[in-house]
Amino acid sequence: MDDAQRLRELKDFLQTRRARLSPEEFGFPSGRRRAPGLRREEVAQLASVSTTWYTWLEQGRDIRVSAQVLEGLARALQLTTEERTHLFMLALQQPPPELDTQQEIISSVHQQILDHYGAGPAYMTGRRWDVLAWNQPASILFGDFSAMPHRERNFVWFFFTNTAHRRLLVDWEDHAQFVLAKFRSTCSRYLGDEKLIELIEDLLRVSPEFRQWWPRHDVFGRPFGRKEYEHPIVGRLIFDYTAFVAAESPDLRFVVYTPLPGSETLERFRKLQELHKAKSLFI
């Protein structure tokens, strides 16, 4: 990502964050406004900066920005932790140096952890959300990752382009918007990564939903949630999922799906595993 593109990203991000804020919440008169949200001068007032300086920043001009001023701006715009990090990365270009040089190495121990978790799907992703390792239950629910081309093993690409998975997942649109917002929260850490830029450009080309939602600049980072799948053979499957990073590298994430306690998911998923195993014996 070159400077011009980075400044455009910063401009769009600030505009979308400003637009979502209600003037009444800050004691400003609503009146007649040409656009939703706060005015630039109101954001500047809340952040204790000059209107001219903030206007230049939002216009994408290449101006000096201090961490102290960005902190005030993050508070004024009521940014979440992930959004605040995103703002700093775009404005100051200061991702930790070690993040750029970290190697994505999956060890035998990582694979053993995945394989020994048999209750549900589990996999590991890297900095670009490529699926680097997985267990057998993950192949049953998501498809055989080992048979997929490299691009299709990227989880964001998979989520937005795999029609079979889309049909199975209940409330796909809500989950897809969450995946995109979480993905965006990690992108600012790797500004200039050519493969990441290529992935985003390809998704903008092939996915109407990605193309529609990407300009919103939503940033989100909750590492847990729940997904429901309507499987044509065994019926409704409900999983709680959580993600956590490997201690040796913040780029590597474990994602683990646990059958919802008290539901029939564990029994149904075991049946699906048995059917899959039986089918494999005749291939």
C-alpha atoms as a PDB file:
ATOM      1  CA  MET A   1       0.000   0.000   0.000  1.00  0.00           C
ATOM      2  CA  ASP A   2       1.595   3.289  -1.085  1.00  0.00           C
ATOM      3  CA  ASP A   3       1.191   6.591   0.774  1.00  0.00           C
ATOM      4  CA  ALA A   4      -1.602   7.816  -1.477  1.00  0.00           C
ATOM      5  CA  GLN A   5      -3.633   4.677  -0.877  1.00  0.00           C
ATOM      6  CA  ARG A   6      -2.898   4.743   2.862  1.00  0.00           C
ATOM      7  CA  LEU A   7      -4.098   8.345   3.132  1.00  0.00           C
ATOM      8  CA  ARG A   8      -7.251   7.491   1.188  1.00  0.00           C
ATOM      9  CA  GLU A   9      -7.902   4.653   3.629  1.00  0.00           C
ATOM     10  CA  LEU A  10      -7.390   7.033   6.550  1.00  0.00           C
ATOM     11  CA  LYS A  11      -9.722   9.591   4.973  1.00  0.00           C
ATOM     12  CA  ASP A  12     -12.493   7.050   4.398  1.00  0.00           C
ATOM     13  CA  PHE A  13     -12.073   5.550   7.855  1.00  0.00           C
ATOM     14  CA  LEU A  14     -12.385   8.919   9.605  1.00  0.00           C
ATOM     15  CA  GLN A  15     -15.410   9.880   7.521  1.00  0.00           C
ATOM     16  CA  THR A  16     -17.259   6.649   8.258  1.00  0.00           C
ATOM     17  CA  ARG A  17     -16.495   6.854  12.000  1.00  0.00           C
ATOM     18  CA  ARG A  18     -17.688  10.491  12.135  1.00  0.00           C
ATOM     19  CA  ALA A  19     -20.869   9.697  10.220  1.00  0.00           C
ATOM     20  CA  ARG A  20     -22.052   7.105  12.724  1.00  0.00           C
ATOM     21  CA  LEU A  21     -22.033   9.472  15.718  1.00  0.00           C
ATOM     22  CA  SER A  22     -25.177  11.273  16.860  1.00  0.00           C
ATOM     23  CA  PRO A  23     -24.858  15.048  17.542  1.00  0.00           C
ATOM     24  CA  GLU A  24     -27.410  14.841  20.358  1.00  0.00           C
ATOM     25  CA  GLU A  25     -25.208  12.417  22.303  1.00  0.00           C
ATOM     26  CA  PHE A  26     -22.549  15.125  22.541  1.00  0.00           C
ATOM     27  CA  GLY A  27     -24.876  18.020  23.218  1.00  0.00           C
ATOM     28  CA  PHE A  28     -24.701  19.449  19.709  1.00  0.00           C
ATOM     29  CA  PRO A  29     -27.942  20.691  18.070  1.00  0.00           C
ATOM     30  CA  SER A  30     -29.237  18.311  15.428  1.00  0.00           C
ATOM     31  CA  GLY A  31     -30.862  20.913  13.181  1.00  0.00           C
ATOM     32  CA  ARG A  32     -30.656  20.495   9.432  1.00  0.00           C
ATOM     33  CA  ARG A  33     -27.499  18.685   8.371  1.00  0.00           C
ATOM     34  CA  ARG A  34     -26.341  17.874   4.879  1.00  0.00           C
ATOM     35  CA  ALA A  35     -24.868  14.568   6.042  1.00  0.00           C
ATOM     36  CA  PRO A  36     -25.406  12.196   8.986  1.00  0.00           C
ATOM     37  CA  GLY A  37     -23.173  12.294  12.045  1.00  0.00           C
ATOM     38  CA  LEU A  38     -20.951  14.984  13.504  1.00  0.00           C
ATOM     39  CA  ARG A  39     -19.509  17.889  11.577  1.00  0.00           C
ATOM     40  CA  ARG A  40     -15.739  18.177  11.208  1.00  0.00           C
ATOM     41  CA  GLU A  41     -15.597  21.185  13.523  1.00  0.00           C
ATOM     42  CA  GLU A  42     -17.466  19.215  16.188  1.00  0.00           C
ATOM     43  CA  VAL A  43     -14.992  16.336  16.027  1.00  0.00           C
ATOM     44  CA  ALA A  44     -12.144  18.839  16.204  1.00  0.00           C
ATOM     45  CA  GLN A  45     -13.702  20.442  19.281  1.00  0.00           C
ATOM     46  CA  LEU A  46     -14.107  17.088  21.030  1.00  0.00           C
ATOM     47  CA  ALA A  47     -10.528  16.089  20.186  1.00  0.00           C
ATOM     48  CA  SER A  48      -9.090  19.491  21.223  1.00  0.00           C
ATOM     49  CA  VAL A  49      -7.500  20.158  17.825  1.00  0.00           C
ATOM     50  CA  SER A  50      -8.055  22.901  15.286  1.00  0.00           C
ATOM     51  CA  THR A  51     -10.777  22.477  12.711  1.00  0.00           C
ATOM     52  CA  THR A  52      -8.263  23.187   9.960  1.00  0.00           C
ATOM     53  CA  TRP A  53      -5.906  20.444  11.158  1.00  0.00           C
ATOM     54  CA  TYR A  54      -8.664  17.857  11.417  1.00  0.00           C
ATOM     55  CA  THR A  55     -10.050  18.861   8.006  1.00  0.00           C
ATOM     56  CA  TRP A  56      -6.639  18.365   6.441  1.00  0.00           C
ATOM     57  CA  LEU A  57      -6.313  14.967   8.118  1.00  0.00           C
ATOM     58  CA  GLU A  58      -9.723  13.834   6.893  1.00  0.00           C
ATOM     59  CA  GLN A  59      -8.957  15.137   3.419  1.00  0.00           C
ATOM     60  CA  GLY A  60      -6.025  12.751   3.296  1.00  0.00           C
ATOM     61  CA  ARG A  61      -3.314  15.387   3.319  1.00  0.00           C
ATOM     62  CA  ASP A  62       0.173  14.281   4.309  1.00  0.00           C
ATOM     63  CA  ILE A  63       0.525  16.131   7.626  1.00  0.00           C
ATOM     64  CA  ARG A  64       2.399  15.429  10.857  1.00  0.00           C
ATOM     65  CA  VAL A  65       0.395  13.431  13.386  1.00  0.00           C
ATOM     66  CA  SER A  66       1.375  12.716  16.988  1.00  0.00           C
ATOM     67  CA  ALA A  67       0.308   9.761  19.108  1.00  0.00           C
ATOM     68  CA  GLN A  68      -1.133  12.154  21.692  1.00  0.00           C
ATOM     69  CA  VAL A  69      -3.391  13.824  19.151  1.00  0.00           C
ATOM     70  CA  LEU A  70      -4.510  10.465  17.770  1.00  0.00           C
ATOM     71  CA  GLU A  71      -5.458   9.363  21.286  1.00  0.00           C
ATOM     72  CA  GLY A  72      -7.705  12.406  21.602  1.00  0.00           C
ATOM     73  CA  LEU A  73      -9.210  11.709  18.207  1.00  0.00           C
ATOM     74  CA  ALA A  74      -9.861   8.064  19.122  1.00  0.00           C
ATOM     75  CA  ARG A  75     -11.711   9.180  22.247  1.00  0.00           C
ATOM     76  CA  ALA A  76     -13.706  11.807  20.339  1.00  0.00           C
ATOM     77  CA  LEU A  77     -14.802   9.270  17.727  1.00  0.00           C
ATOM     78  CA  GLN A  78     -15.524   6.644  20.412  1.00  0.00           C
ATOM     79  CA  LEU A  79     -13.344   4.074  18.701  1.00  0.00           C
ATOM     80  CA  THR A  80     -13.150   0.512  19.921  1.00  0.00           C
ATOM     81  CA  THR A  81      -9.771  -0.992  20.811  1.00  0.00           C
ATOM     82  CA  GLU A  82      -9.466  -2.513  17.344  1.00  0.00           C
ATOM     83  CA  GLU A  83     -10.553   0.697  15.604  1.00  0.00           C
ATOM     84  CA  ARG A  84      -8.046   2.714  17.659  1.00  0.00           C
ATOM     85  CA  THR A  85      -5.271   0.341  16.559  1.00  0.00           C
ATOM     86  CA  HIS A  86      -6.449   0.642  12.975  1.00  0.00           C
ATOM     87  CA  LEU A  87      -6.311   4.451  13.195  1.00  0.00           C
ATOM     88  CA  PHE A  88      -2.752   4.417  14.553  1.00  0.00           C
ATOM     89  CA  MET A  89      -1.533   2.028  11.886  1.00  0.00           C
ATOM     90  CA  LEU A  90      -3.003   4.129   9.096  1.00  0.00           C
ATOM     91  CA  ALA A  91      -1.865   7.473  10.491  1.00  0.00           C
ATOM     92  CA  LEU A  92       1.569   6.631  11.946  1.00  0.00           C
ATOM     93  CA  GLN A  93       2.577   3.494  10.008  1.00  0.00           C
ATOM     94  CA  GLN A  94       4.079   1.937  13.099  1.00  0.00           C
ATOM     95  CA  PRO A  95       3.290  -1.771  13.252  1.00  0.00           C
ATOM     96  CA  PRO A  96       5.748  -3.607  15.515  1.00  0.00           C
ATOM     97  CA  PRO A  97       8.762  -4.545  13.346  1.00  0.00           C
ATOM     98  CA  GLU A  98       8.658  -8.181  14.421  1.00  0.00           C
ATOM     99  CA  LEU A  99       5.193  -8.582  12.879  1.00  0.00           C
ATOM    100  CA  ASP A 100       6.633  -7.980   9.415  1.00  0.00           C
ATOM    101  CA  THR A 101       9.357 -10.613   9.730  1.00  0.00           C
ATOM    102  CA  GLN A 102       7.548 -13.339  11.630  1.00  0.00           C
ATOM    103  CA  GLN A 103       7.624 -16.687   9.832  1.00  0.00           C
ATOM    104  CA  GLU A 104       4.429 -18.705   9.607  1.00  0.00           C
ATOM    105  CA  ILE A 105       5.678 -22.104  10.686  1.00  0.00           C
ATOM    106  CA  ILE A 106       3.256 -24.852  11.688  1.00  0.00           C
ATOM    107  CA  SER A 107       5.027 -27.354  13.917  1.00  0.00           C
ATOM    108  CA  SER A 108       4.150 -30.978  14.548  1.00  0.00           C
ATOM    109  CA  VAL A 109       2.976 -29.909  18.007  1.00  0.00           C
ATOM    110  CA  HIS A 110       0.452 -27.520  16.470  1.00  0.00           C
ATOM    111  CA  GLN A 111      -0.920 -30.305  14.279  1.00  0.00           C
ATOM    112  CA  GLN A 112      -1.083 -32.713  17.229  1.00  0.00           C
ATOM    113  CA  ILE A 113      -3.147 -30.183  19.186  1.00  0.00           C
ATOM    114  CA  LEU A 114      -5.593 -29.901  16.299  1.00  0.00           C
ATOM    115  CA  ASP A 115      -5.768 -33.669  15.761  1.00  0.00           C
ATOM    116  CA  HIS A 116      -6.366 -34.425  19.440  1.00  0.00           C
ATOM    117  CA  TYR A 117      -9.315 -32.065  19.521  1.00  0.00           C
ATOM    118  CA  GLY A 118     -11.936 -34.344  18.010  1.00  0.00           C
ATOM    119  CA  ALA A 119     -15.163 -32.839  19.357  1.00  0.00           C
ATOM    120  CA  GLY A 120     -15.458 -30.329  16.549  1.00  0.00           C
ATOM    121  CA  PRO A 121     -13.668 -28.489  13.749  1.00  0.00           C
ATOM    122  CA  ALA A 122     -10.404 -26.711  14.544  1.00  0.00           C
ATOM    123  CA  TYR A 123      -7.871 -24.983  12.316  1.00  0.00           C
ATOM    124  CA  MET A 124      -5.018 -22.475  12.309  1.00  0.00           C
ATOM    125  CA  THR A 125      -4.701 -19.322  10.219  1.00  0.00           C
ATOM    126  CA  GLY A 126      -1.801 -16.977   9.483  1.00  0.00           C
ATOM    127  CA  ARG A 127      -1.431 -13.230   9.026  1.00  0.00           C
ATOM    128  CA  ARG A 128      -3.369 -13.190   5.738  1.00  0.00           C
ATOM    129  CA  TRP A 129      -6.009 -15.607   7.086  1.00  0.00           C
ATOM    130  CA  ASP A 130      -4.663 -18.521   5.060  1.00  0.00           C
ATOM    131  CA  VAL A 131      -5.742 -21.843   6.606  1.00  0.00           C
ATOM    132  CA  LEU A 132      -2.370 -23.375   7.449  1.00  0.00           C
ATOM    133  CA  ALA A 133      -3.439 -26.484   9.395  1.00  0.00           C
ATOM    134  CA  TRP A 134      -6.687 -28.214  10.340  1.00  0.00           C
ATOM    135  CA  ASN A 135      -8.161 -31.342  11.882  1.00  0.00           C
ATOM    136  CA  GLN A 136     -10.343 -33.969  10.235  1.00  0.00           C
ATOM    137  CA  PRO A 137     -13.641 -32.554  11.600  1.00  0.00           C
ATOM    138  CA  ALA A 138     -12.811 -29.229   9.916  1.00  0.00           C
ATOM    139  CA  SER A 139     -12.570 -31.011   6.569  1.00  0.00           C
ATOM    140  CA  ILE A 140     -16.000 -32.555   7.174  1.00  0.00           C
ATOM    141  CA  LEU A 141     -17.727 -29.250   7.934  1.00  0.00           C
ATOM    142  CA  PHE A 142     -15.856 -26.920   5.576  1.00  0.00           C
ATOM    143  CA  GLY A 143     -14.621 -29.267   2.886  1.00  0.00           C
ATOM    144  CA  ASP A 144     -11.284 -30.964   2.203  1.00  0.00           C
ATOM    145  CA  PHE A 145      -8.762 -28.147   2.578  1.00  0.00           C
ATOM    146  CA  SER A 146      -5.979 -30.394   1.261  1.00  0.00           C
ATOM    147  CA  ALA A 147      -7.794 -30.667  -2.079  1.00  0.00           C
ATOM    148  CA  MET A 148      -8.386 -26.923  -2.409  1.00  0.00           C
ATOM    149  CA  PRO A 149      -6.118 -24.591  -4.415  1.00  0.00           C
ATOM    150  CA  HIS A 150      -4.067 -22.241  -2.251  1.00  0.00           C
ATOM    151  CA  ARG A 151      -6.353 -19.234  -2.746  1.00  0.00           C
ATOM    152  CA  GLU A 152      -9.441 -21.204  -1.716  1.00  0.00           C
ATOM    153  CA  ARG A 153      -7.719 -22.165   1.542  1.00  0.00           C
ATOM    154  CA  ASN A 154      -7.787 -18.526   2.583  1.00  0.00           C
ATOM    155  CA  PHE A 155     -10.617 -18.261   5.117  1.00  0.00           C
ATOM    156  CA  VAL A 156     -11.862 -14.829   3.969  1.00  0.00           C
ATOM    157  CA  TRP A 157     -11.860 -15.952   0.342  1.00  0.00           C
ATOM    158  CA  PHE A 158     -13.547 -19.211   1.357  1.00  0.00           C
ATOM    159  CA  PHE A 159     -16.211 -17.364   3.353  1.00  0.00           C
ATOM    160  CA  PHE A 160     -17.156 -15.001   0.530  1.00  0.00           C
ATOM    161  CA  THR A 161     -16.870 -17.344  -2.454  1.00  0.00           C
ATOM    162  CA  ASN A 162     -17.701 -20.887  -1.308  1.00  0.00           C
ATOM    163  CA  THR A 163     -21.375 -21.330  -2.202  1.00  0.00           C
ATOM    164  CA  ALA A 164     -21.716 -24.730  -0.492  1.00  0.00           C
ATOM    165  CA  HIS A 165     -20.601 -23.321   2.860  1.00  0.00           C
ATOM    166  CA  ARG A 166     -22.819 -20.299   2.343  1.00  0.00           C
ATOM    167  CA  ARG A 167     -25.881 -22.527   1.927  1.00  0.00           C
ATOM    168  CA  LEU A 168     -25.090 -24.417   5.135  1.00  0.00           C
ATOM    169  CA  LEU A 169     -24.418 -21.437   7.407  1.00  0.00           C
ATOM    170  CA  VAL A 170     -27.479 -19.870   9.018  1.00  0.00           C
ATOM    171  CA  ASP A 171     -27.455 -16.034   8.860  1.00  0.00           C
ATOM    172  CA  TRP A 172     -24.496 -16.037   6.466  1.00  0.00           C
ATOM    173  CA  GLU A 173     -24.720 -12.293   5.843  1.00  0.00           C
ATOM    174  CA  ASP A 174     -24.305 -11.346   9.506  1.00  0.00           C
ATOM    175  CA  HIS A 175     -21.363 -13.697   9.932  1.00  0.00           C
ATOM    176  CA  ALA A 176     -19.760 -12.509   6.694  1.00  0.00           C
ATOM    177  CA  GLN A 177     -19.874  -8.880   7.831  1.00  0.00           C
ATOM    178  CA  PHE A 178     -18.260  -9.889  11.127  1.00  0.00           C
ATOM    179  CA  VAL A 179     -15.525 -11.842   9.322  1.00  0.00           C
ATOM    180  CA  LEU A 180     -14.818  -8.845   7.096  1.00  0.00           C
ATOM    181  CA  ALA A 181     -14.645  -6.435  10.070  1.00  0.00           C
ATOM    182  CA  LYS A 182     -12.311  -8.774  11.945  1.00  0.00           C
ATOM    183  CA  PHE A 183     -10.184  -9.222   8.815  1.00  0.00           C
ATOM    184  CA  ARG A 184      -9.936  -5.461   8.383  1.00  0.00           C
ATOM    185  CA  SER A 185      -8.760  -5.029  11.971  1.00  0.00           C
ATOM    186  CA  THR A 186      -5.715  -7.152  11.117  1.00  0.00           C
ATOM    187  CA  CYS A 187      -4.984  -5.585   7.717  1.00  0.00           C
ATOM    188  CA  SER A 188      -3.624  -2.329   9.164  1.00  0.00           C
ATOM    189  CA  ARG A 189      -0.840  -4.324  10.847  1.00  0.00           C
ATOM    190  CA  TYR A 190       0.576  -5.338   7.466  1.00  0.00           C
ATOM    191  CA  LEU A 191       0.405  -2.196   5.333  1.00  0.00           C
ATOM    192  CA  GLY A 192       2.227  -2.754   2.058  1.00  0.00           C
ATOM    193  CA  ASP A 193       1.900  -6.553   2.072  1.00  0.00           C
ATOM    194  CA  GLU A 194       1.568  -7.208  -1.659  1.00  0.00           C
ATOM    195  CA  LYS A 195      -0.155 -10.580  -1.292  1.00  0.00           C
ATOM    196  CA  LEU A 196      -2.683  -9.105   1.124  1.00  0.00           C
ATOM    197  CA  ILE A 197      -3.383  -6.221  -1.263  1.00  0.00           C
ATOM    198  CA  GLU A 198      -3.835  -8.732  -4.095  1.00  0.00           C
ATOM    199  CA  LEU A 199      -6.277 -10.765  -1.992  1.00  0.00           C
ATOM    200  CA  ILE A 200      -8.383  -7.676  -1.227  1.00  0.00           C
ATOM    201  CA  GLU A 201      -8.391  -6.565  -4.876  1.00  0.00           C
ATOM    202  CA  ASP A 202      -9.481 -10.034  -6.015  1.00  0.00           C
ATOM    203  CA  LEU A 203     -12.273 -10.143  -3.432  1.00  0.00           C
ATOM    204  CA  LEU A 204     -13.487  -6.720  -4.531  1.00  0.00           C
ATOM    205  CA  ARG A 205     -13.671  -8.080  -8.068  1.00  0.00           C
ATOM    206  CA  VAL A 206     -15.429 -11.411  -7.425  1.00  0.00           C
ATOM    207  CA  SER A 207     -17.692 -10.785  -4.421  1.00  0.00           C
ATOM    208  CA  PRO A 208     -20.548  -8.241  -4.593  1.00  0.00           C
ATOM    209  CA  GLU A 209     -20.975  -8.380  -0.810  1.00  0.00           C
ATOM    210  CA  PHE A 210     -17.299  -7.774  -0.122  1.00  0.00           C
ATOM    211  CA  ARG A 211     -17.357  -4.901  -2.634  1.00  0.00           C
ATOM    212  CA  GLN A 212     -20.399  -3.393  -0.884  1.00  0.00           C
ATOM    213  CA  TRP A 213     -19.170  -3.724   2.709  1.00  0.00           C
ATOM    214  CA  TRP A 214     -15.425  -3.063   2.400  1.00  0.00           C
ATOM    215  CA  PRO A 215     -15.826   0.752   2.015  1.00  0.00           C
ATOM    216  CA  ARG A 216     -17.634   0.929   5.386  1.00  0.00           C
ATOM    217  CA  HIS A 217     -14.312   0.496   7.232  1.00  0.00           C
ATOM    218  CA  ASP A 218     -15.953  -1.535   9.989  1.00  0.00           C
ATOM    219  CA  VAL A 219     -13.354  -2.867  12.433  1.00  0.00           C
ATOM    220  CA  PHE A 220     -14.151  -5.504  15.009  1.00  0.00           C
ATOM    221  CA  GLY A 221     -12.147  -7.944  17.075  1.00  0.00           C
ATOM    222  CA  ARG A 222     -14.311 -10.179  19.270  1.00  0.00           C
ATOM    223  CA  PRO A 223     -12.569 -13.593  19.357  1.00  0.00           C
ATOM    224  CA  PHE A 224     -15.631 -15.735  20.057  1.00  0.00           C
ATOM    225  CA  GLY A 225     -19.198 -16.335  18.915  1.00  0.00           C
ATOM    226  CA  ARG A 226     -21.737 -18.917  17.785  1.00  0.00           C
ATOM    227  CA  LYS A 227     -22.532 -20.393  14.377  1.00  0.00           C
ATOM    228  CA  GLU A 228     -25.403 -22.585  13.265  1.00  0.00           C
ATOM    229  CA  TYR A 229     -25.337 -24.852  10.233  1.00  0.00           C
ATOM    230  CA  GLU A 230     -28.330 -26.484   8.556  1.00  0.00           C
ATOM    231  CA  HIS A 231     -26.813 -29.713   7.258  1.00  0.00           C
ATOM    232  CA  PRO A 232     -28.840 -31.621   4.635  1.00  0.00           C
ATOM    233  CA  ILE A 233     -28.020 -35.013   6.184  1.00  0.00           C
ATOM    234  CA  VAL A 234     -27.937 -34.598   9.972  1.00  0.00           C
ATOM    235  CA  GLY A 235     -29.874 -31.359  10.467  1.00  0.00           C
ATOM    236  CA  ARG A 236     -29.041 -28.349  12.661  1.00  0.00           C
ATOM    237  CA  LEU A 237     -25.496 -28.135  14.038  1.00  0.00           C
ATOM    238  CA  ILE A 238     -24.714 -25.428  16.622  1.00  0.00           C
ATOM    239  CA  PHE A 239     -21.156 -24.542  17.574  1.00  0.00           C
ATOM    240  CA  ASP A 240     -19.603 -22.042  19.935  1.00  0.00           C
ATOM    241  CA  TYR A 241     -16.265 -20.934  18.538  1.00  0.00           C
ATOM    242  CA  THR A 242     -13.284 -19.124  19.973  1.00  0.00           C
ATOM    243  CA  ALA A 243      -9.936 -17.959  18.626  1.00  0.00           C
ATOM    244  CA  PHE A 244      -6.614 -17.564  20.410  1.00  0.00           C
ATOM    245  CA  VAL A 245      -3.085 -16.829  19.278  1.00  0.00           C
ATOM    246  CA  ALA A 246      -0.102 -19.143  19.515  1.00  0.00           C
ATOM    247  CA  ALA A 247       2.299 -18.022  22.239  1.00  0.00           C
ATOM    248  CA  GLU A 248       5.293 -18.044  19.898  1.00  0.00           C
ATOM    249  CA  SER A 249       3.668 -15.872  17.218  1.00  0.00           C
ATOM    250  CA  PRO A 250       0.749 -13.385  17.282  1.00  0.00           C
ATOM    251  CA  ASP A 251       0.258 -14.085  13.571  1.00  0.00           C
ATOM    252  CA  LEU A 252      -0.864 -17.664  14.171  1.00  0.00           C
ATOM    253  CA  ARG A 253      -4.412 -18.177  15.417  1.00  0.00           C
ATOM    254  CA  PHE A 254      -6.134 -21.330  16.599  1.00  0.00           C
ATOM    255  CA  VAL A 255      -9.887 -21.352  15.873  1.00  0.00           C
ATOM    256  CA  VAL A 256     -11.857 -24.033  17.726  1.00  0.00           C
ATOM    257  CA  TYR A 257     -15.528 -24.987  17.276  1.00  0.00           C
ATOM    258  CA  THR A 258     -17.230 -26.635  20.269  1.00  0.00           C
ATOM    259  CA  PRO A 259     -20.646 -28.340  19.968  1.00  0.00           C
ATOM    260  CA  LEU A 260     -23.230 -26.418  21.984  1.00  0.00           C
ATOM    261  CA  PRO A 261     -23.729 -28.165  25.359  1.00  0.00           C
ATOM    262  CA  GLY A 262     -27.217 -29.574  25.842  1.00  0.00           C
ATOM    263  CA  SER A 263     -27.928 -29.646  22.127  1.00  0.00           C
ATOM    264  CA  GLU A 264     -27.925 -32.627  19.778  1.00  0.00           C
ATOM    265  CA  THR A 265     -24.959 -31.227  17.867  1.00  0.00           C
ATOM    266  CA  LEU A 266     -22.314 -33.541  19.365  1.00  0.00           C
ATOM    267  CA  GLU A 267     -24.330 -36.660  18.531  1.00  0.00           C
ATOM    268  CA  ARG A 268     -25.244 -35.401  15.069  1.00  0.00           C
ATOM    269  CA  PHE A 269     -21.689 -34.400  14.241  1.00  0.00           C
ATOM    270  CA  ARG A 270     -20.391 -37.792  15.366  1.00  0.00           C
ATOM    271  CA  LYS A 271     -22.905 -39.390  13.012  1.00  0.00           C
ATOM    272  CA  LEU A 272     -21.627 -37.156  10.217  1.00  0.00           C
ATOM    273  CA  GLN A 273     -18.047 -38.237  11.001  1.00  0.00           C
ATOM    274  CA  GLU A 274     -19.062 -41.894  10.866  1.00  0.00           C
ATOM    275  CA  LEU A 275     -20.772 -41.388   7.516  1.00  0.00           C
ATOM    276  CA  HIS A 276     -17.702 -39.606   6.195  1.00  0.00           C
ATOM    277  CA  LYS A 277     -15.425 -42.410   7.395  1.00  0.00           C
ATOM    278  CA  ALA A 278     -17.629 -45.067   5.836  1.00  0.00           C
ATOM    279  CA  LYS A 279     -17.691 -43.194   2.553  1.00  0.00           C
ATOM    280  CA  SER A 280     -13.896 -42.917   2.569  1.00  0.00           C
ATOM    281  CA  LEU A 281     -13.553 -46.692   2.848  1.00  0.00           C
ATOM    282  CA  PHE A 282     -15.226 -47.117  -0.553  1.00  0.00           C
ATOM    283  CA  ILE A 283     -13.245 -44.473  -2.408  1.00  0.00           C
END
